[in-house]
Amino acid sequence: MPTYQYACNACNHEFEALQSFSDASLTECPQCKGEIRKVYSAVGVVFKGTGFYRTDSATKATASEPAKTTPAAAPTPAVAAD
C-alpha cells in the first residue's frame, strides 16, 4: 500500500497515511479539523540490471581484437600575419 504525505493548510501539521489506490484522499486534519492537501515530492529511482547504461549495448573488444582508436586530427597550420 502506498504512503501519502499530507499537510494542513490551517495549522501546518504534516503527517503520512497508508492508503490504497482506490481510497479517497483525506480532507480533514486530525489535529485541528482544518482543510489538508497532499504533499508531492521527488521519488528516487534506481535502475538495476543491464540495459540502462550507454556502455551496456556497446561492442566490447576482446583480448584477441585490438581496441579501435580514432586517428588524431592533424594540426592546423598557423597563418602568418602581414
N, C-alpha and C. Protein backbone atom coordinates (compact mmCIF):
# COMPACT_ATOMS: atom_id res chain seq x y z
N MET A 1 0.84 -1.17 0.00
CA MET A 1 0.00 0.00 0.00
C MET A 1 0.89 1.25 0.00
N PRO A 2 0.58 2.22 -0.81
CA PRO A 2 1.39 3.43 -0.86
C PRO A 2 1.20 4.33 0.36
N THR A 3 2.22 5.08 0.68
CA THR A 3 2.18 6.06 1.76
C THR A 3 2.03 7.44 1.14
N TYR A 4 1.03 8.18 1.59
CA TYR A 4 0.79 9.54 1.09
C TYR A 4 1.13 10.52 2.19
N GLN A 5 1.67 11.66 1.80
CA GLN A 5 2.04 12.70 2.75
C GLN A 5 1.03 13.84 2.63
N TYR A 6 0.57 14.33 3.77
CA TYR A 6 -0.42 15.41 3.82
C TYR A 6 0.11 16.54 4.69
N ALA A 7 -0.40 17.75 4.44
CA ALA A 7 -0.10 18.92 5.27
C ALA A 7 -1.37 19.73 5.44
N CYS A 8 -1.57 20.26 6.65
CA CYS A 8 -2.76 21.05 6.95
C CYS A 8 -2.53 22.49 6.50
N ASN A 9 -3.53 23.07 5.85
CA ASN A 9 -3.45 24.47 5.42
C ASN A 9 -3.61 25.44 6.60
N ALA A 10 -4.28 25.01 7.66
CA ALA A 10 -4.55 25.88 8.80
C ALA A 10 -3.43 25.87 9.84
N CYS A 11 -3.04 24.68 10.30
CA CYS A 11 -2.06 24.60 11.40
C CYS A 11 -0.68 24.10 10.97
N ASN A 12 -0.50 23.82 9.68
CA ASN A 12 0.77 23.33 9.12
C ASN A 12 1.21 21.98 9.66
N HIS A 13 0.29 21.22 10.26
CA HIS A 13 0.60 19.87 10.74
C HIS A 13 0.86 18.98 9.52
N GLU A 14 1.97 18.22 9.55
CA GLU A 14 2.30 17.30 8.46
C GLU A 14 2.21 15.88 8.98
N PHE A 15 1.66 14.98 8.17
CA PHE A 15 1.53 13.58 8.56
C PHE A 15 1.47 12.70 7.32
N GLU A 16 1.66 11.40 7.54
CA GLU A 16 1.59 10.42 6.46
C GLU A 16 0.44 9.47 6.71
N ALA A 17 -0.11 8.93 5.62
CA ALA A 17 -1.21 7.98 5.73
C ALA A 17 -1.01 6.86 4.73
N LEU A 18 -1.20 5.62 5.18
CA LEU A 18 -1.17 4.46 4.29
C LEU A 18 -2.56 4.32 3.69
N GLN A 19 -2.64 4.39 2.36
CA GLN A 19 -3.93 4.30 1.70
C GLN A 19 -3.81 3.45 0.45
N SER A 20 -4.87 2.77 0.12
CA SER A 20 -4.95 2.01 -1.11
C SER A 20 -5.14 2.98 -2.27
N PHE A 21 -4.84 2.53 -3.49
CA PHE A 21 -5.04 3.38 -4.66
C PHE A 21 -6.52 3.74 -4.84
N SER A 22 -7.39 2.85 -4.40
CA SER A 22 -8.82 3.08 -4.59
C SER A 22 -9.45 3.94 -3.47
N ASP A 23 -8.71 4.19 -2.38
CA ASP A 23 -9.24 5.02 -1.30
C ASP A 23 -9.31 6.49 -1.72
N ALA A 24 -10.31 7.18 -1.20
CA ALA A 24 -10.44 8.62 -1.45
C ALA A 24 -9.38 9.37 -0.65
N SER A 25 -8.94 10.52 -1.16
CA SER A 25 -7.96 11.34 -0.44
C SER A 25 -8.56 11.85 0.86
N LEU A 26 -7.70 12.03 1.86
CA LEU A 26 -8.16 12.58 3.13
C LEU A 26 -8.44 14.07 2.94
N THR A 27 -9.36 14.61 3.73
CA THR A 27 -9.75 16.01 3.56
C THR A 27 -9.70 16.81 4.86
N GLU A 28 -9.50 16.14 6.01
CA GLU A 28 -9.59 16.82 7.30
C GLU A 28 -8.36 16.53 8.15
N CYS A 29 -7.80 17.57 8.75
CA CYS A 29 -6.64 17.45 9.63
C CYS A 29 -7.03 16.72 10.91
N PRO A 30 -6.24 15.74 11.33
CA PRO A 30 -6.58 15.02 12.57
C PRO A 30 -6.38 15.87 13.83
N GLN A 31 -5.61 16.96 13.75
CA GLN A 31 -5.38 17.80 14.94
C GLN A 31 -6.39 18.93 15.08
N CYS A 32 -6.56 19.70 13.99
CA CYS A 32 -7.42 20.90 14.13
C CYS A 32 -8.69 20.82 13.29
N LYS A 33 -8.88 19.73 12.57
CA LYS A 33 -10.05 19.51 11.70
C LYS A 33 -10.10 20.49 10.52
N GLY A 34 -8.94 21.13 10.22
CA GLY A 34 -8.86 22.07 9.09
C GLY A 34 -8.68 21.32 7.77
N GLU A 35 -8.65 22.08 6.69
CA GLU A 35 -8.51 21.52 5.35
C GLU A 35 -7.05 21.12 5.12
N ILE A 36 -6.84 19.94 4.50
CA ILE A 36 -5.48 19.47 4.23
C ILE A 36 -5.26 19.32 2.73
N ARG A 37 -3.99 19.17 2.38
CA ARG A 37 -3.62 18.97 0.98
C ARG A 37 -2.55 17.89 0.92
N LYS A 38 -2.46 17.22 -0.23
CA LYS A 38 -1.41 16.24 -0.45
C LYS A 38 -0.10 16.95 -0.74
N VAL A 39 0.98 16.40 -0.23
CA VAL A 39 2.31 16.94 -0.48
C VAL A 39 3.02 16.00 -1.44
N TYR A 40 3.51 16.55 -2.55
CA TYR A 40 4.22 15.75 -3.55
C TYR A 40 5.70 16.06 -3.48
N SER A 41 6.51 15.03 -3.58
CA SER A 41 7.96 15.22 -3.56
C SER A 41 8.59 14.30 -4.59
N ALA A 42 9.87 14.53 -4.85
CA ALA A 42 10.60 13.73 -5.85
C ALA A 42 10.75 12.29 -5.35
N VAL A 43 10.71 11.38 -6.28
CA VAL A 43 10.83 9.96 -5.96
C VAL A 43 12.20 9.49 -6.45
N GLY A 44 12.92 8.78 -5.62
CA GLY A 44 14.20 8.22 -6.01
C GLY A 44 13.99 6.99 -6.88
N VAL A 45 14.70 6.92 -7.98
CA VAL A 45 14.57 5.79 -8.89
C VAL A 45 15.93 5.12 -9.01
N VAL A 46 15.95 3.79 -8.88
CA VAL A 46 17.18 3.03 -9.01
C VAL A 46 17.01 2.04 -10.15
N PHE A 47 17.88 2.11 -11.14
CA PHE A 47 17.85 1.18 -12.26
C PHE A 47 18.83 0.06 -11.98
N LYS A 48 18.34 -1.17 -11.97
CA LYS A 48 19.20 -2.32 -11.72
C LYS A 48 19.16 -3.24 -12.92
N GLY A 49 20.27 -3.90 -13.18
CA GLY A 49 20.33 -4.85 -14.28
C GLY A 49 20.99 -4.22 -15.50
N THR A 50 21.00 -4.97 -16.58
CA THR A 50 21.64 -4.49 -17.80
C THR A 50 20.65 -3.72 -18.65
N GLY A 51 21.18 -2.92 -19.56
CA GLY A 51 20.34 -2.19 -20.49
C GLY A 51 20.04 -0.77 -20.11
N PHE A 52 20.59 -0.29 -18.99
CA PHE A 52 20.28 1.07 -18.56
C PHE A 52 21.43 2.04 -18.80
N TYR A 53 22.58 1.52 -19.15
CA TYR A 53 23.73 2.38 -19.33
C TYR A 53 24.16 2.41 -20.79
N ARG A 54 24.76 3.49 -21.19
CA ARG A 54 25.20 3.69 -22.57
C ARG A 54 26.19 2.61 -22.98
N THR A 55 27.01 2.14 -22.06
CA THR A 55 28.03 1.16 -22.38
C THR A 55 27.51 -0.27 -22.39
N ASP A 56 26.29 -0.52 -21.94
CA ASP A 56 25.76 -1.89 -21.91
C ASP A 56 25.59 -2.48 -23.29
N SER A 57 25.20 -1.68 -24.27
CA SER A 57 24.96 -2.22 -25.61
C SER A 57 26.14 -1.99 -26.54
N ALA A 58 27.23 -1.42 -26.03
CA ALA A 58 28.40 -1.17 -26.86
C ALA A 58 29.15 -2.47 -27.11
N THR A 59 29.75 -2.57 -28.29
CA THR A 59 30.56 -3.74 -28.61
C THR A 59 31.84 -3.66 -27.81
N LYS A 60 32.14 -4.75 -27.13
CA LYS A 60 33.33 -4.77 -26.29
C LYS A 60 34.45 -5.48 -27.02
N ALA A 61 35.67 -4.92 -26.94
CA ALA A 61 36.84 -5.54 -27.56
C ALA A 61 37.28 -6.71 -26.69
N THR A 62 37.67 -7.81 -27.35
CA THR A 62 38.18 -8.97 -26.62
C THR A 62 39.70 -8.92 -26.63
N ALA A 63 40.33 -9.85 -25.93
CA ALA A 63 41.79 -9.88 -25.85
C ALA A 63 42.41 -10.14 -27.22
N SER A 64 41.72 -10.88 -28.10
CA SER A 64 42.27 -11.18 -29.42
C SER A 64 42.07 -10.04 -30.41
N GLU A 65 41.16 -9.11 -30.12
CA GLU A 65 40.91 -7.98 -31.00
C GLU A 65 41.52 -6.71 -30.41
N PRO A 66 42.25 -5.96 -31.22
CA PRO A 66 42.75 -4.69 -30.69
C PRO A 66 41.61 -3.69 -30.60
N ALA A 67 41.69 -2.82 -29.63
CA ALA A 67 40.66 -1.80 -29.46
C ALA A 67 40.73 -0.82 -30.62
N LYS A 68 39.58 -0.39 -31.13
CA LYS A 68 39.55 0.57 -32.22
C LYS A 68 39.83 1.95 -31.66
N THR A 69 40.71 2.67 -32.35
CA THR A 69 41.01 4.04 -31.95
C THR A 69 40.76 4.95 -33.13
N THR A 70 40.41 6.17 -32.84
CA THR A 70 40.19 7.14 -33.91
C THR A 70 41.47 7.93 -34.10
N PRO A 71 41.83 8.21 -35.35
CA PRO A 71 43.06 8.95 -35.58
C PRO A 71 42.93 10.37 -35.06
N ALA A 72 44.05 10.90 -34.58
CA ALA A 72 44.07 12.27 -34.06
C ALA A 72 43.96 13.24 -35.23
N ALA A 73 43.32 14.35 -35.01
CA ALA A 73 43.17 15.37 -36.06
C ALA A 73 44.52 16.03 -36.32
N ALA A 74 44.78 16.31 -37.58
CA ALA A 74 46.03 16.96 -37.95
C ALA A 74 46.01 18.40 -37.46
N PRO A 75 47.15 18.90 -36.98
CA PRO A 75 47.17 20.28 -36.50
C PRO A 75 46.95 21.25 -37.64
N THR A 76 46.28 22.35 -37.35
CA THR A 76 46.00 23.39 -38.35
C THR A 76 47.23 24.28 -38.48
N PRO A 77 47.71 24.51 -39.73
CA PRO A 77 48.90 25.36 -39.88
C PRO A 77 48.57 26.80 -39.46
N ALA A 78 49.55 27.43 -38.84
CA ALA A 78 49.38 28.81 -38.40
C ALA A 78 49.44 29.74 -39.61
N VAL A 79 48.64 30.78 -39.63
CA VAL A 79 48.62 31.74 -40.72
C VAL A 79 49.50 32.91 -40.30
N ALA A 80 50.46 33.26 -41.19
CA ALA A 80 51.39 34.35 -40.88
C ALA A 80 50.68 35.68 -41.05
N ALA A 81 50.88 36.57 -40.12
CA ALA A 81 50.28 37.90 -40.20
C ALA A 81 51.19 38.81 -41.03
N ASP A 82 50.65 39.61 -41.93
CA ASP A 82 51.45 40.50 -42.78
C ASP A 82 51.63 41.84 -42.16
